PDB file of N, CA and C in Angstrom:
ATOM      1  N   MET A   1     -20.101  -2.012  23.514  1.00  0.00           N
ATOM      2  CA  MET A   1     -18.848  -0.576  23.556  1.00  0.00           C
ATOM      3  C   MET A   1     -18.601  -1.343  21.486  1.00  0.00           C
ATOM      4  N   THR A   2     -18.536  -2.326  21.304  1.00  0.00           N
ATOM      5  CA  THR A   2     -18.433  -2.559  20.317  1.00  0.00           C
ATOM      6  C   THR A   2     -19.482  -2.347  18.477  1.00  0.00           C
ATOM      7  N   LEU A   3     -20.627  -1.970  18.794  1.00  0.00           N
ATOM      8  CA  LEU A   3     -21.435  -0.988  18.244  1.00  0.00           C
ATOM      9  C   LEU A   3     -20.933   0.122  17.999  1.00  0.00           C
ATOM     10  N   ILE A   4     -20.547   0.717  19.071  1.00  0.00           N
ATOM     11  CA  ILE A   4     -20.015   2.547  19.088  1.00  0.00           C
ATOM     12  C   ILE A   4     -19.174   2.468  18.526  1.00  0.00           C
ATOM     13  N   LEU A   5     -18.449   1.513  18.344  1.00  0.00           N
ATOM     14  CA  LEU A   5     -16.913   1.573  17.716  1.00  0.00           C
ATOM     15  C   LEU A   5     -17.071   1.572  16.093  1.00  0.00           C
ATOM     16  N   ALA A   6     -17.671   0.571  15.700  1.00  0.00           N
ATOM     17  CA  ALA A   6     -18.225   0.190  14.870  1.00  0.00           C
ATOM     18  C   ALA A   6     -18.728   1.717  13.802  1.00  0.00           C
ATOM     19  N   ILE A   7     -19.976   2.216  14.391  1.00  0.00           N
ATOM     20  CA  ILE A   7     -20.397   3.444  14.215  1.00  0.00           C
ATOM     21  C   ILE A   7     -19.405   4.716  13.710  1.00  0.00           C
ATOM     22  N   ILE A   8     -18.535   4.463  15.137  1.00  0.00           N
ATOM     23  CA  ILE A   8     -17.784   5.825  14.777  1.00  0.00           C
ATOM     24  C   ILE A   8     -16.758   5.295  13.941  1.00  0.00           C
ATOM     25  N   LEU A   9     -16.154   4.112  13.268  1.00  0.00           N
ATOM     26  CA  LEU A   9     -15.068   3.762  12.324  1.00  0.00           C
ATOM     27  C   LEU A   9     -15.905   3.593  11.253  1.00  0.00           C
ATOM     28  N   ALA A  10     -17.630   3.541  10.881  1.00  0.00           N
ATOM     29  CA  ALA A  10     -17.696   4.076  10.149  1.00  0.00           C
ATOM     30  C   ALA A  10     -18.075   5.160   9.386  1.00  0.00           C
ATOM     31  N   PHE A  11     -18.246   5.946  10.270  1.00  0.00           N
ATOM     32  CA  PHE A  11     -18.621   7.387  10.185  1.00  0.00           C
ATOM     33  C   PHE A  11     -16.199   8.178   9.436  1.00  0.00           C
ATOM     34  N   LEU A  12     -15.520   7.792  10.204  1.00  0.00           N
ATOM     35  CA  LEU A  12     -14.547   7.947   9.632  1.00  0.00           C
ATOM     36  C   LEU A  12     -14.056   7.720   8.473  1.00  0.00           C
ATOM     37  N   LEU A  13     -14.899   6.317   8.198  1.00  0.00           N
ATOM     38  CA  LEU A  13     -14.494   6.065   6.966  1.00  0.00           C
ATOM     39  C   LEU A  13     -15.144   6.546   5.867  1.00  0.00           C
ATOM     40  N   VAL A  14     -15.915   7.103   5.952  1.00  0.00           N
ATOM     41  CA  VAL A  14     -16.854   8.237   4.676  1.00  0.00           C
ATOM     42  C   VAL A  14     -15.861   9.528   5.298  1.00  0.00           C
ATOM     43  N   GLY A  15     -16.128  10.135   6.371  1.00  0.00           N
ATOM     44  CA  GLY A  15     -15.446  11.456   6.516  1.00  0.00           C
ATOM     45  C   GLY A  15     -13.839  10.944   5.597  1.00  0.00           C
ATOM     46  N   THR A  16     -12.943   9.798   5.303  1.00  0.00           N
ATOM     47  CA  THR A  16     -11.612  10.145   4.777  1.00  0.00           C
ATOM     48  C   THR A  16     -12.199  10.289   3.086  1.00  0.00           C
ATOM     49  N   VAL A  17     -12.978  10.504   2.446  1.00  0.00           N
ATOM     50  CA  VAL A  17     -13.508  10.091   1.383  1.00  0.00           C
ATOM     51  C   VAL A  17     -12.733  11.202   1.012  1.00  0.00           C
ATOM     52  N   PRO A  18     -12.397  11.189   0.136  1.00  0.00           N
ATOM     53  CA  PRO A  18     -11.059  12.982  -0.390  1.00  0.00           C
ATOM     54  C   PRO A  18     -13.089  13.697  -1.883  1.00  0.00           C
ATOM     55  N   VAL A  19     -13.650  13.264  -1.754  1.00  0.00           N
ATOM     56  CA  VAL A  19     -14.723  13.734  -3.106  1.00  0.00           C
ATOM     57  C   VAL A  19     -15.563  15.216  -2.317  1.00  0.00           C
ATOM     58  N   TRP A  20     -15.426  15.755  -1.391  1.00  0.00           N
ATOM     59  CA  TRP A  20     -15.870  16.878  -1.302  1.00  0.00           C
ATOM     60  C   TRP A  20     -14.590  18.286  -1.712  1.00  0.00           C
ATOM     61  N   PRO A  21     -15.644  19.167  -2.649  1.00  0.00           N
ATOM     62  CA  PRO A  21     -14.326  20.288  -2.398  1.00  0.00           C
ATOM     63  C   PRO A  21     -13.645  20.354  -1.323  1.00  0.00           C
ATOM     64  N   HIS A  22     -13.488  21.100  -0.331  1.00  0.00           N
ATOM     65  CA  HIS A  22     -12.673  21.350   0.525  1.00  0.00           C
ATOM     66  C   HIS A  22     -11.725  20.059   1.059  1.00  0.00           C
ATOM     67  N   SER A  23     -11.978  19.065   0.889  1.00  0.00           N
ATOM     68  CA  SER A  23     -11.457  18.210   0.598  1.00  0.00           C
ATOM     69  C   SER A  23     -10.224  17.489  -0.151  1.00  0.00           C
ATOM     70  N   LEU A  24     -10.043  18.281  -0.775  1.00  0.00           N
ATOM     71  CA  LEU A  24      -9.762  17.494  -2.312  1.00  0.00           C
ATOM     72  C   LEU A  24      -7.973  17.815  -2.527  1.00  0.00           C
ATOM     73  N   HIS A  25      -7.520  18.595  -1.621  1.00  0.00           N
ATOM     74  CA  HIS A  25      -5.786  18.942  -1.223  1.00  0.00           C
ATOM     75  C   HIS A  25      -5.917  18.247   0.253  1.00  0.00           C
ATOM     76  N   TRP A  26      -5.932  17.543   1.082  1.00  0.00           N
ATOM     77  CA  TRP A  26      -5.570  16.990   2.317  1.00  0.00           C
ATOM     78  C   TRP A  26      -3.922  16.294   1.822  1.00  0.00           C
ATOM     79  N   GLY A  27      -4.872  14.908   0.654  1.00  0.00           N
ATOM     80  CA  GLY A  27      -4.066  14.001   0.418  1.00  0.00           C
ATOM     81  C   GLY A  27      -4.077  12.809   1.435  1.00  0.00           C
ATOM     82  N   TYR A  28      -3.246  12.075   1.872  1.00  0.00           N
ATOM     83  CA  TYR A  28      -2.817  11.092   2.016  1.00  0.00           C
ATOM     84  C   TYR A  28      -3.419  10.976   3.637  1.00  0.00           C
ATOM     85  N   TYR A  29      -3.504  11.994   4.328  1.00  0.00           N
ATOM     86  CA  TYR A  29      -4.228  12.539   5.880  1.00  0.00           C
ATOM     87  C   TYR A  29      -4.229  12.080   6.535  1.00  0.00           C
ATOM     88  N   PRO A  30      -6.061  11.859   6.559  1.00  0.00           N
ATOM     89  CA  PRO A  30      -6.926  11.294   6.506  1.00  0.00           C
ATOM     90  C   PRO A  30      -7.037  10.056   7.436  1.00  0.00           C
ATOM     91  N   SER A  31      -6.750   9.249   5.774  1.00  0.00           N
ATOM     92  CA  SER A  31      -6.540   7.645   5.085  1.00  0.00           C
ATOM     93  C   SER A  31      -5.181   7.030   6.424  1.00  0.00           C
ATOM     94  N   SER A  32      -4.128   8.423   6.643  1.00  0.00           N
ATOM     95  CA  SER A  32      -3.701   7.438   6.927  1.00  0.00           C
ATOM     96  C   SER A  32      -3.561   7.850   8.562  1.00  0.00           C
ATOM     97  N   GLY A  33      -4.473   8.480   9.446  1.00  0.00           N
ATOM     98  CA  GLY A  33      -4.893   8.499  10.516  1.00  0.00           C
ATOM     99  C   GLY A  33      -6.279   7.381  10.887  1.00  0.00           C
ATOM    100  N   LEU A  34      -6.160   7.288   9.563  1.00  0.00           N
ATOM    101  CA  LEU A  34      -7.401   6.325   9.658  1.00  0.00           C
ATOM    102  C   LEU A  34      -6.858   4.786  10.152  1.00  0.00           C
ATOM    103  N   GLY A  35      -6.197   4.559   9.336  1.00  0.00           N
ATOM    104  CA  GLY A  35      -5.178   3.529   8.706  1.00  0.00           C
ATOM    105  C   GLY A  35      -4.891   3.491  10.154  1.00  0.00           C
ATOM    106  N   LEU A  36      -3.946   4.621  10.858  1.00  0.00           N
ATOM    107  CA  LEU A  36      -3.152   4.429  12.226  1.00  0.00           C
ATOM    108  C   LEU A  36      -4.061   3.704  13.893  1.00  0.00           C
ATOM    109  N   LEU A  37      -5.411   4.143  13.358  1.00  0.00           N
ATOM    110  CA  LEU A  37      -6.233   4.335  14.509  1.00  0.00           C
ATOM    111  C   LEU A  37      -7.015   3.299  14.108  1.00  0.00           C
ATOM    112  N   LEU A  38      -7.012   1.917  13.152  1.00  0.00           N
ATOM    113  CA  LEU A  38      -7.293   1.118  13.023  1.00  0.00           C
ATOM    114  C   LEU A  38      -6.450  -0.118  13.125  1.00  0.00           C
ATOM    115  N   ALA A  39      -5.398   0.423  13.231  1.00  0.00           N
ATOM    116  CA  ALA A  39      -4.137  -0.230  13.411  1.00  0.00           C
ATOM    117  C   ALA A  39      -4.085  -0.606  15.117  1.00  0.00           C
ATOM    118  N   ILE A  40      -4.804   0.451  15.729  1.00  0.00           N
ATOM    119  CA  ILE A  40      -4.606   0.498  17.155  1.00  0.00           C
ATOM    120  C   ILE A  40      -5.416  -0.200  18.066  1.00  0.00           C
ATOM    121  N   LEU A  41      -6.437  -0.385  16.904  1.00  0.00           N
ATOM    122  CA  LEU A  41      -7.891  -1.044  17.708  1.00  0.00           C
ATOM    123  C   LEU A  41      -7.572  -2.319  17.147  1.00  0.00           C
ATOM    124  N   ILE A  42      -6.921  -2.777  16.495  1.00  0.00           N
ATOM    125  CA  ILE A  42      -6.921  -3.983  16.417  1.00  0.00           C
ATOM    126  C   ILE A  42      -5.755  -4.729  17.223  1.00  0.00           C
ATOM    127  N   ILE A  43      -4.600  -4.116  17.218  1.00  0.00           N
ATOM    128  CA  ILE A  43      -3.941  -4.722  18.835  1.00  0.00           C
ATOM    129  C   ILE A  43      -4.303  -5.203  19.781  1.00  0.00           C
ATOM    130  N   TYR A  44      -5.408  -3.548  19.925  1.00  0.00           N
ATOM    131  CA  TYR A  44      -6.192  -3.635  21.447  1.00  0.00           C
ATOM    132  C   TYR A  44      -6.979  -5.348  21.402  1.00  0.00           C
ATOM    133  N   ILE A  45      -8.054  -5.533  20.526  1.00  0.00           N
ATOM    134  CA  ILE A  45      -8.881  -6.269  20.345  1.00  0.00           C
ATOM    135  C   ILE A  45      -8.241  -7.711  20.074  1.00  0.00           C
ATOM    136  N   ILE A  46      -6.885  -8.000  19.042  1.00  0.00           N
ATOM    137  CA  ILE A  46      -6.249  -9.616  19.509  1.00  0.00           C
ATOM    138  C   ILE A  46      -5.593  -9.398  20.927  1.00  0.00           C
ATOM    139  N   LEU A  47      -5.020  -8.271  21.731  1.00  0.00           N
ATOM    140  CA  LEU A  47      -4.601  -8.298  23.337  1.00  0.00           C
ATOM    141  C   LEU A  47      -5.459  -9.009  23.866  1.00  0.00           C
ATOM    142  N   LYS A  48      -6.853  -8.546  24.305  1.00  0.00           N
ATOM    143  CA  LYS A  48      -7.950  -8.091  25.102  1.00  0.00           C
ATOM    144  C   LYS A  48      -8.503  -9.627  24.761  1.00  0.00           C
ATOM    145  N   ARG A  49      -7.930 -10.545  23.842  1.00  0.00           N
ATOM    146  CA  ARG A  49      -8.673 -11.652  23.500  1.00  0.00           C
ATOM    147  C   ARG A  49      -7.983 -12.662  23.977  1.00  0.00           C
ATOM    148  N   THR A  50      -6.436 -12.642  24.603  1.00  0.00           N
ATOM    149  CA  THR A  50      -5.527 -13.451  25.169  1.00  0.00           C
ATOM    150  C   THR A  50      -5.064 -13.207  26.833  1.00  0.00           C
TER     151      THR A  50
END
């Protein structure tokens, strides 16, 4: 399960880099969405350990 989450997170990180011409005007939306998902994932992992 963690391997699948790591692969998905890697794809999302590559997808948020605004270097392609079609994504130059997206602003902070992709990176803020990824940050929100990462925060939820970290909270889930912390709560799962306790």
